[in-house]
């Protein structure tokens, strides 16, 4: 099933799977704490208690672990792409919000940088996220991880 869907849907499922139960990954209005540890691993309670409907199917755990493994590889080899994917899919940042965050943290946008005083466009941010998604997809298809 998971092989037939695109990388964006896979990463969305991964974000729900990893963040399920974390307060930081809850909906903006709050939400239940759920049955996941802060480390992102499912607890045994998730098998016993009914699902609130915002998680992913338990049958997808192997696929989600593959994506988690790819993300771990990315974290070690390309921290910027890892950060983009994590903020977009685990924490649910919009492209606009992600562009604002990157503008504040990237050295070229700070004082003395080549783009000092400018703001990153959400379209440029989308391009960066698309590139990072491509890296994850390549890791998954090449089975490097």
Protein backbone atom coordinates (compact mmCIF):
# COMPACT_ATOMS: atom_id res chain seq x y z
CA UNK A 1 0.00 0.00 0.00
CA UNK A 2 2.64 2.52 1.02
CA UNK A 3 4.72 1.94 -2.11
CA UNK A 4 1.88 3.29 -4.25
CA UNK A 5 1.69 6.71 -2.60
CA UNK A 6 3.93 9.71 -3.12
CA UNK A 7 6.76 10.89 -0.92
CA UNK A 8 4.72 13.79 0.49
CA UNK A 9 2.02 11.40 1.71
CA UNK A 10 4.65 9.04 3.13
CA UNK A 11 6.34 11.88 5.02
CA UNK A 12 2.97 13.12 6.28
CA UNK A 13 2.25 9.64 7.61
CA UNK A 14 5.74 9.54 9.14
CA UNK A 15 5.18 12.88 10.86
CA UNK A 16 1.96 11.59 12.42
CA UNK A 17 3.58 8.31 13.35
CA UNK A 18 6.62 9.91 15.00
CA UNK A 19 4.75 12.77 16.61
CA UNK A 20 1.73 10.81 17.75
CA UNK A 21 1.14 11.76 21.34
CA UNK A 22 3.84 14.41 21.53
CA UNK A 23 2.56 17.73 22.83
CA UNK A 24 4.64 19.59 20.23
CA UNK A 25 2.99 17.65 17.41
CA UNK A 26 -0.54 18.15 18.73
CA UNK A 27 -3.00 20.28 16.82
CA UNK A 28 -2.71 24.03 17.38
CA UNK A 29 -5.71 24.07 19.69
CA UNK A 30 -4.16 21.49 21.98
CA UNK A 31 -5.45 17.96 21.61
CA UNK A 32 -5.01 14.77 23.52
CA UNK A 33 -1.65 13.59 24.62
CA UNK A 34 -2.29 10.18 23.06
CA UNK A 35 -0.28 7.04 23.57
CA UNK A 36 3.19 7.80 22.32
CA UNK A 37 6.36 8.47 24.23
CA UNK A 38 8.20 11.77 23.73
CA UNK A 39 10.88 9.81 21.89
CA UNK A 40 8.44 9.04 19.09
CA UNK A 41 8.06 5.33 19.70
CA UNK A 42 4.65 3.75 20.08
CA UNK A 43 3.84 2.42 23.49
CA UNK A 44 2.08 -0.85 24.18
CA UNK A 45 -1.01 1.17 25.12
CA UNK A 46 -1.52 2.16 21.49
CA UNK A 47 -2.42 -1.47 20.76
CA UNK A 48 -4.84 -1.72 23.67
CA UNK A 49 -6.61 1.64 23.64
CA UNK A 50 -8.71 2.81 20.68
CA UNK A 51 -7.12 5.17 18.20
CA UNK A 52 -8.26 8.79 18.12
CA UNK A 53 -8.24 8.72 14.31
CA UNK A 54 -5.22 10.94 13.71
CA UNK A 55 -2.56 8.22 13.68
CA UNK A 56 -1.56 5.80 10.98
CA UNK A 57 -2.37 2.14 10.53
CA UNK A 58 -0.31 -0.18 12.70
CA UNK A 59 0.45 -2.28 9.61
CA UNK A 60 2.59 0.58 8.29
CA UNK A 61 5.12 0.40 11.14
CA UNK A 62 7.77 -1.29 8.97
CA UNK A 63 7.41 1.40 6.31
CA UNK A 64 7.53 4.15 8.91
CA UNK A 65 10.66 2.62 10.41
CA UNK A 66 12.25 2.69 6.94
CA UNK A 67 11.47 6.39 6.67
CA UNK A 68 12.74 6.94 10.22
CA UNK A 69 15.96 5.19 9.25
CA UNK A 70 16.29 7.42 6.18
CA UNK A 71 15.71 10.47 8.37
CA UNK A 72 18.43 9.31 10.77
CA UNK A 73 20.82 8.95 7.84
CA UNK A 74 19.82 12.41 6.61
CA UNK A 75 20.35 13.87 10.08
CA UNK A 76 23.92 12.61 10.08
CA UNK A 77 24.76 13.64 6.51
CA UNK A 78 22.59 16.66 5.67
CA UNK A 79 21.37 18.47 8.78
CA UNK A 80 19.67 21.25 6.81
CA UNK A 81 17.46 18.88 4.79
CA UNK A 82 16.69 16.92 7.94
CA UNK A 83 15.60 20.11 9.68
CA UNK A 84 13.37 21.12 6.76
CA UNK A 85 11.60 17.75 6.68
CA UNK A 86 11.22 17.63 10.45
CA UNK A 87 9.73 21.12 10.70
CA UNK A 88 7.43 20.60 7.71
CA UNK A 89 6.10 17.12 8.41
CA UNK A 90 6.60 16.43 12.11
CA UNK A 91 5.70 19.87 13.43
CA UNK A 92 3.37 20.89 10.59
CA UNK A 93 5.00 24.18 9.60
CA UNK A 94 3.53 25.87 6.55
CA UNK A 95 5.92 27.06 3.83
CA UNK A 96 5.32 30.64 4.97
CA UNK A 97 6.15 29.89 8.61
CA UNK A 98 9.13 27.78 7.60
CA UNK A 99 10.47 30.63 5.43
CA UNK A 100 10.16 33.03 8.37
CA UNK A 101 12.05 30.63 10.64
CA UNK A 102 14.78 30.05 8.08
CA UNK A 103 15.17 33.79 7.48
CA UNK A 104 15.98 34.24 11.16
CA UNK A 105 18.44 31.35 11.37
CA UNK A 106 20.32 31.15 8.06
CA UNK A 107 23.65 33.02 8.00
CA UNK A 108 23.15 34.61 4.56
CA UNK A 109 20.05 36.44 5.82
CA UNK A 110 21.75 37.75 8.97
CA UNK A 111 23.77 40.94 9.22
CA UNK A 112 26.79 40.82 6.95
CA UNK A 113 25.35 38.04 4.80
CA UNK A 114 24.76 38.21 1.06
CA UNK A 115 21.00 38.62 1.57
CA UNK A 116 21.08 40.69 4.76
CA UNK A 117 17.85 42.56 5.42
CA UNK A 118 15.87 40.39 2.98
CA UNK A 119 13.25 37.75 3.76
CA UNK A 120 13.05 34.29 2.26
CA UNK A 121 10.10 33.76 -0.07
CA UNK A 122 7.77 30.86 0.69
CA UNK A 123 8.23 29.69 -2.91
CA UNK A 124 11.99 29.38 -2.41
CA UNK A 125 11.30 27.53 0.82
CA UNK A 126 9.02 25.12 -1.04
CA UNK A 127 11.83 24.45 -3.51
CA UNK A 128 14.20 23.66 -0.64
CA UNK A 129 11.66 21.30 0.95
CA UNK A 130 11.03 19.60 -2.41
CA UNK A 131 14.76 19.03 -2.76
CA UNK A 132 14.93 17.53 0.74
CA UNK A 133 11.93 15.28 -0.03
CA UNK A 134 13.77 14.09 -3.13
CA UNK A 135 16.76 13.16 -0.99
CA UNK A 136 14.57 11.08 1.34
CA UNK A 137 12.88 9.40 -1.62
CA UNK A 138 16.26 8.59 -3.14
CA UNK A 139 17.44 7.07 0.15
CA UNK A 140 14.31 4.93 0.30
CA UNK A 141 14.56 3.70 -3.30
CA UNK A 142 18.30 3.04 -3.23
CA UNK A 143 17.96 1.27 0.12
CA UNK A 144 21.16 2.91 1.38
CA UNK A 145 19.64 3.03 4.81
